[in-house]
């Protein structure tokens, strides 16, 4: 199982992301992942890092499909592969219904089908030059889909190279997500996508409270119905009306890893046993409460313990 690192907030500039990128550049992590940013565009930040000498593998977890035409998404993904000199994982998700309604005029009727169609279109642009994208040599572009529930997992199985998850317990991945990925892949006569899991973690230090860190890490996600529905399916009693209680239950359920670096590294092994190919260590809780230096220090400690 590969271990990667997440820049856990929306990027405000390339220099802010650089300390996390350094973890990959020096070999402590396999890849730098970033989510959608409305401050500084994620792809442009990754290009900045490459231009600054940090030519590293990058991935997006995830870009929101209402924000980009599929053709533009294909251009940007392969541009990053050219500029970094490494394979790129371009991950996509539908986002909340309010986003698609605001940008497209109406919410997606079937988000899983919409994401599957989006991935198929991006793949077509990348693989079929006759569709208008000039051919150019570049490292591999993997297409990923954000996956929480079985319907999206089956859609990802049909169309994606990577299924990217967040807040998903290992037992739920093994018993629910992985079988649904296999089912979707079998129906399309292809291999199932590999599983990538974003896992929140913080090193135990004086004055820290796990539930507070968990809320800082995932409180916003715990207000979203598709996340809390997934958690309830996995046995974690979370509801969007009470993200504070949800964060406490996430912490109690071991979905927010807290302890010494060696303990966290050992707990990450459960994801390998669940069929996860790549774990992304996110220190979002520390970033939100103590700032970037503390977040980088925790990520470095966990990665070193797991090496």
Protein backbone atom coordinates (compact mmCIF):
# COMPACT_ATOMS: atom_id res chain seq x y z
CA UNK A 1 0.00 0.00 0.00
CA UNK A 2 1.31 3.39 -0.99
CA UNK A 3 1.19 6.35 1.39
CA UNK A 4 0.57 9.84 0.07
CA UNK A 5 -0.14 13.22 1.61
CA UNK A 6 -2.97 15.73 1.29
CA UNK A 7 -2.75 19.49 1.20
CA UNK A 8 -5.84 19.68 3.37
CA UNK A 9 -7.32 23.13 2.68
CA UNK A 10 -8.04 25.28 -0.35
CA UNK A 11 -4.75 26.60 -1.68
CA UNK A 12 -4.11 30.33 -1.41
CA UNK A 13 -0.86 30.12 -3.38
CA UNK A 14 1.91 27.81 -4.45
CA UNK A 15 4.29 28.77 -1.66
CA UNK A 16 1.72 27.65 0.94
CA UNK A 17 1.57 24.18 -0.59
CA UNK A 18 5.33 23.78 -1.06
CA UNK A 19 6.12 22.30 2.41
CA UNK A 20 3.66 19.48 1.72
CA UNK A 21 5.09 19.02 -1.76
CA UNK A 22 8.55 18.71 -0.21
CA UNK A 23 7.39 15.57 1.61
CA UNK A 24 6.84 13.95 -1.78
CA UNK A 25 9.95 15.47 -3.34
CA UNK A 26 12.20 13.92 -0.71
CA UNK A 27 10.50 10.53 -0.92
CA UNK A 28 8.46 10.53 2.29
CA UNK A 29 5.18 10.26 0.37
CA UNK A 30 4.21 8.83 -3.01
CA UNK A 31 2.00 11.67 -4.24
CA UNK A 32 0.68 15.10 -3.30
CA UNK A 33 -3.10 15.37 -3.40
CA UNK A 34 -5.16 18.55 -3.45
CA UNK A 35 -8.89 19.19 -3.53
CA UNK A 36 -10.83 21.81 -5.42
CA UNK A 37 -9.73 25.34 -4.57
CA UNK A 38 -11.67 28.51 -5.28
CA UNK A 39 -8.80 30.69 -4.06
CA UNK A 40 -6.00 29.55 -6.37
CA UNK A 41 -6.96 26.94 -8.94
CA UNK A 42 -5.62 23.51 -8.02
CA UNK A 43 -4.13 22.71 -11.43
CA UNK A 44 -2.37 26.06 -11.58
CA UNK A 45 -0.93 25.52 -8.11
CA UNK A 46 0.43 22.13 -9.19
CA UNK A 47 1.93 23.74 -12.29
CA UNK A 48 3.51 26.43 -10.10
CA UNK A 49 5.14 23.75 -7.96
CA UNK A 50 6.58 22.06 -11.05
CA UNK A 51 7.98 25.37 -12.24
CA UNK A 52 9.50 25.95 -8.80
CA UNK A 53 11.45 22.69 -9.10
CA UNK A 54 9.01 20.42 -7.28
CA UNK A 55 8.20 18.12 -10.20
CA UNK A 56 6.32 15.48 -8.27
CA UNK A 57 3.35 13.12 -8.79
CA UNK A 58 0.08 14.93 -8.06
CA UNK A 59 -3.58 14.01 -7.78
CA UNK A 60 -6.86 15.85 -7.33
CA UNK A 61 -9.36 14.62 -4.76
CA UNK A 62 -11.62 15.79 -6.22
CA UNK A 63 -12.41 18.33 -8.91
CA UNK A 64 -16.09 19.16 -9.21
CA UNK A 65 -17.63 18.27 -12.56
CA UNK A 66 -20.01 21.25 -12.85
CA UNK A 67 -17.02 23.59 -12.88
CA UNK A 68 -15.22 22.29 -16.00
CA UNK A 69 -16.10 21.16 -19.48
CA UNK A 70 -14.77 17.66 -20.11
CA UNK A 71 -12.49 18.91 -22.89
CA UNK A 72 -10.89 21.48 -20.58
CA UNK A 73 -10.50 18.83 -17.88
CA UNK A 74 -8.63 16.60 -20.33
CA UNK A 75 -6.34 19.44 -21.42
CA UNK A 76 -5.51 20.33 -17.82
CA UNK A 77 -4.89 16.75 -16.72
CA UNK A 78 -2.45 15.92 -19.47
CA UNK A 79 -0.80 19.35 -19.11
CA UNK A 80 0.04 18.47 -15.52
CA UNK A 81 1.44 15.12 -16.66
CA UNK A 82 3.70 16.96 -19.13
CA UNK A 83 4.76 19.67 -16.69
CA UNK A 84 5.43 17.39 -13.72
CA UNK A 85 6.91 14.53 -15.77
CA UNK A 86 4.91 12.07 -13.64
CA UNK A 87 1.59 10.20 -13.91
CA UNK A 88 -1.35 12.31 -12.76
CA UNK A 89 -4.55 11.19 -11.05
CA UNK A 90 -7.40 13.45 -12.13
CA UNK A 91 -10.22 12.78 -9.70
CA UNK A 92 -13.76 14.08 -10.22
CA UNK A 93 -16.98 14.25 -8.24
CA UNK A 94 -20.43 15.75 -8.68
CA UNK A 95 -20.36 17.89 -5.55
CA UNK A 96 -23.44 18.96 -3.61
CA UNK A 97 -26.75 19.41 -5.50
CA UNK A 98 -26.71 23.15 -4.80
CA UNK A 99 -23.47 23.50 -6.75
CA UNK A 100 -24.71 21.77 -9.89
CA UNK A 101 -28.00 23.66 -9.64
CA UNK A 102 -26.19 26.98 -9.37
CA UNK A 103 -23.73 26.35 -12.20
CA UNK A 104 -25.79 24.18 -14.55
CA UNK A 105 -29.28 25.45 -13.88
CA UNK A 106 -30.50 22.25 -12.25
CA UNK A 107 -29.02 19.57 -9.99
CA UNK A 108 -27.90 16.28 -11.47
CA UNK A 109 -30.85 13.88 -11.52
CA UNK A 110 -28.48 10.93 -11.14
CA UNK A 111 -25.06 12.08 -9.87
CA UNK A 112 -23.42 8.66 -10.30
CA UNK A 113 -24.48 8.45 -13.94
CA UNK A 114 -23.40 12.05 -14.50
CA UNK A 115 -19.91 11.39 -13.14
CA UNK A 116 -19.60 8.18 -15.17
CA UNK A 117 -20.56 10.03 -18.34
CA UNK A 118 -18.12 12.81 -17.48
CA UNK A 119 -15.24 10.36 -17.00
CA UNK A 120 -16.06 8.60 -20.25
CA UNK A 121 -16.01 11.91 -22.10
CA UNK A 122 -12.66 12.95 -20.56
CA UNK A 123 -11.19 9.56 -21.44
CA UNK A 124 -12.43 9.96 -24.99
CA UNK A 125 -10.69 13.32 -25.33
CA UNK A 126 -7.45 11.85 -23.98
CA UNK A 127 -7.45 8.64 -25.98
CA UNK A 128 -9.03 9.66 -29.29
CA UNK A 129 -7.14 12.55 -30.92
CA UNK A 130 -9.71 12.68 -33.69
CA UNK A 131 -12.05 14.27 -31.15
CA UNK A 132 -10.01 17.45 -31.35
CA UNK A 133 -7.22 17.19 -28.75
CA UNK A 134 -3.86 17.27 -30.57
CA UNK A 135 -1.70 14.20 -29.81
CA UNK A 136 1.24 14.74 -27.48
CA UNK A 137 3.49 12.39 -25.52
CA UNK A 138 2.87 12.51 -21.77
CA UNK A 139 2.96 10.29 -18.67
CA UNK A 140 -0.17 8.38 -17.77
CA UNK A 141 -3.34 10.19 -16.74
CA UNK A 142 -5.49 8.13 -14.38
CA UNK A 143 -9.13 9.15 -14.08
CA UNK A 144 -10.61 8.93 -10.61
CA UNK A 145 -14.11 9.22 -9.18
CA UNK A 146 -15.10 10.27 -5.69
CA UNK A 147 -16.89 7.27 -4.19
CA UNK A 148 -18.97 6.99 -1.01
CA UNK A 149 -21.92 4.70 -1.70
CA UNK A 150 -22.60 1.56 -3.76
CA UNK A 151 -24.27 3.35 -6.69
CA UNK A 152 -21.28 5.60 -7.29
CA UNK A 153 -18.95 2.64 -6.70
CA UNK A 154 -20.67 0.66 -9.47
CA UNK A 155 -20.44 3.68 -11.78
CA UNK A 156 -16.74 4.09 -10.94
CA UNK A 157 -16.23 0.40 -11.59
CA UNK A 158 -17.50 0.92 -15.12
CA UNK A 159 -15.47 4.02 -15.94
CA UNK A 160 -12.71 4.98 -13.47
CA UNK A 161 -9.09 4.00 -12.92
CA UNK A 162 -9.23 4.99 -9.25
CA UNK A 163 -12.04 5.16 -6.69
CA UNK A 164 -11.27 7.95 -4.22
CA UNK A 165 -12.93 7.75 -0.79
CA UNK A 166 -13.13 9.91 2.32
CA UNK A 167 -14.35 9.06 5.84
CA UNK A 168 -15.01 5.48 4.76
CA UNK A 169 -14.31 2.84 7.47
CA UNK A 170 -12.12 -0.10 6.41
CA UNK A 171 -14.91 -2.64 7.03
CA UNK A 172 -17.30 -0.61 4.86
CA UNK A 173 -14.72 -0.43 2.08
CA UNK A 174 -14.13 -4.18 2.21
CA UNK A 175 -17.76 -5.26 2.51
CA UNK A 176 -19.57 -2.61 0.46
CA UNK A 177 -17.40 -0.41 -1.75
CA UNK A 178 -14.93 -2.96 -3.13
CA UNK A 179 -17.65 -5.48 -4.10
CA UNK A 180 -19.66 -2.72 -5.82
CA UNK A 181 -16.57 -1.60 -7.74
CA UNK A 182 -16.04 -5.19 -8.87
CA UNK A 183 -19.70 -5.49 -9.89
CA UNK A 184 -19.53 -2.37 -12.02
CA UNK A 185 -16.25 -3.41 -13.60
CA UNK A 186 -17.55 -6.87 -14.44
CA UNK A 187 -20.52 -5.37 -16.23
CA UNK A 188 -18.15 -3.31 -18.39
CA UNK A 189 -15.69 -6.20 -18.90
CA UNK A 190 -12.76 -4.32 -17.33
CA UNK A 191 -10.57 -4.51 -14.27
CA UNK A 192 -11.90 -2.79 -11.13
CA UNK A 193 -10.37 0.58 -10.30
CA UNK A 194 -7.82 0.76 -7.54
CA UNK A 195 -9.02 2.17 -4.22
CA UNK A 196 -7.60 5.39 -2.79
CA UNK A 197 -8.63 6.42 0.74
CA UNK A 198 -8.21 9.84 2.34
CA UNK A 199 -7.67 9.28 6.07
CA UNK A 200 -7.68 12.07 8.66
CA UNK A 201 -5.03 11.84 11.36
CA UNK A 202 -3.36 13.86 14.09
CA UNK A 203 -0.46 13.05 16.39
CA UNK A 204 -1.28 13.03 20.09
CA UNK A 205 0.26 16.11 21.68
CA UNK A 206 -0.39 18.07 24.92
CA UNK A 207 -3.53 20.19 24.84
CA UNK A 208 -5.11 18.50 21.84
CA UNK A 209 -8.65 17.11 21.89
CA UNK A 210 -9.43 14.47 19.24
CA UNK A 211 -13.10 15.44 18.83
CA UNK A 212 -12.19 19.10 18.28
CA UNK A 213 -9.57 18.14 15.72
CA UNK A 214 -12.03 15.80 14.02
CA UNK A 215 -14.59 18.58 13.74
CA UNK A 216 -11.99 20.93 12.26
CA UNK A 217 -11.06 18.22 9.76
CA UNK A 218 -14.47 17.08 8.58
CA UNK A 219 -17.20 19.23 10.12
CA UNK A 220 -18.16 20.68 6.74
CA UNK A 221 -18.49 17.23 5.18
CA UNK A 222 -20.63 16.11 8.11
CA UNK A 223 -23.31 18.64 7.10
CA UNK A 224 -23.73 16.94 3.70
CA UNK A 225 -26.43 14.26 3.36
CA UNK A 226 -24.42 11.95 1.11
CA UNK A 227 -21.57 11.77 3.63
CA UNK A 228 -23.78 11.21 6.65
CA UNK A 229 -25.84 8.62 4.76
CA UNK A 230 -22.66 6.72 3.97
CA UNK A 231 -21.57 6.89 7.60
CA UNK A 232 -24.91 5.56 8.83
CA UNK A 233 -24.65 2.68 6.35
CA UNK A 234 -21.25 1.99 7.92
CA UNK A 235 -22.68 2.04 11.44
CA UNK A 236 -21.69 5.58 12.48
CA UNK A 237 -24.71 7.58 13.69
CA UNK A 238 -24.12 10.90 11.94
CA UNK A 239 -26.79 13.34 10.73
CA UNK A 240 -26.24 16.57 8.77
CA UNK A 241 -28.17 18.62 11.35
CA UNK A 242 -25.53 17.99 14.05
CA UNK A 243 -21.98 17.96 12.67
CA UNK A 244 -20.48 18.45 16.14
CA UNK A 245 -21.99 15.18 17.37
CA UNK A 246 -21.04 13.62 14.04
CA UNK A 247 -17.41 14.59 14.54
CA UNK A 248 -17.41 13.04 18.01
CA UNK A 249 -18.82 9.79 16.61
CA UNK A 250 -16.31 9.81 13.76
CA UNK A 251 -13.56 10.15 16.34
CA UNK A 252 -15.02 7.41 18.56
CA UNK A 253 -15.35 5.10 15.54
CA UNK A 254 -11.64 5.43 14.74
CA UNK A 255 -12.17 7.24 11.46
CA UNK A 256 -10.09 10.13 12.76
CA UNK A 257 -6.80 8.52 13.74
CA UNK A 258 -5.24 9.99 16.87
CA UNK A 259 -2.25 8.83 18.87
CA UNK A 260 1.48 8.43 18.51
CA UNK A 261 2.88 8.21 14.96
CA UNK A 262 3.57 4.48 15.34
CA UNK A 263 0.01 3.82 16.51
CA UNK A 264 -1.44 5.77 13.57
CA UNK A 265 0.85 3.94 11.14
CA UNK A 266 -0.33 0.61 12.54
CA UNK A 267 -4.00 1.61 12.23
CA UNK A 268 -3.47 2.56 8.59
CA UNK A 269 -2.71 -1.10 7.87
CA UNK A 270 -6.41 -1.86 8.25
CA UNK A 271 -6.96 -0.01 4.97
CA UNK A 272 -4.53 -2.29 3.17
CA UNK A 273 -6.49 -5.25 4.50
CA UNK A 274 -9.68 -3.68 3.12
CA UNK A 275 -8.27 -3.57 -0.39
CA UNK A 276 -6.95 0.00 -0.44
CA UNK A 277 -4.06 0.59 -2.83
CA UNK A 278 -3.14 4.11 -1.68
CA UNK A 279 -3.82 5.95 1.58
CA UNK A 280 -3.72 9.74 1.61
CA UNK A 281 -2.75 11.08 5.02
CA UNK A 282 -4.68 14.27 5.77
CA UNK A 283 -3.79 16.46 8.74
CA UNK A 284 -6.70 18.82 8.08
CA UNK A 285 -7.70 18.98 11.74
CA UNK A 286 -4.28 20.21 12.78
CA UNK A 287 -4.13 22.60 9.83
CA UNK A 288 -7.44 24.14 10.87
CA UNK A 289 -6.54 24.55 14.53
CA UNK A 290 -2.78 25.08 14.67
CA UNK A 291 -1.68 26.05 11.18
CA UNK A 292 0.49 24.66 8.38
CA UNK A 293 3.75 24.06 10.25
CA UNK A 294 2.07 21.80 12.78
CA UNK A 295 0.13 20.04 10.01
CA UNK A 296 3.30 19.33 8.01
CA UNK A 297 5.08 18.12 11.14
CA UNK A 298 2.30 15.65 11.91
CA UNK A 299 2.16 14.38 8.33
CA UNK A 300 5.93 13.92 8.29
CA UNK A 301 5.87 12.03 11.60
CA UNK A 302 3.12 9.63 10.46
CA UNK A 303 4.77 9.00 7.09
CA UNK A 304 8.14 8.35 8.75
CA UNK A 305 6.58 5.89 11.21
CA UNK A 306 4.86 4.04 8.36
CA UNK A 307 7.95 3.84 6.15
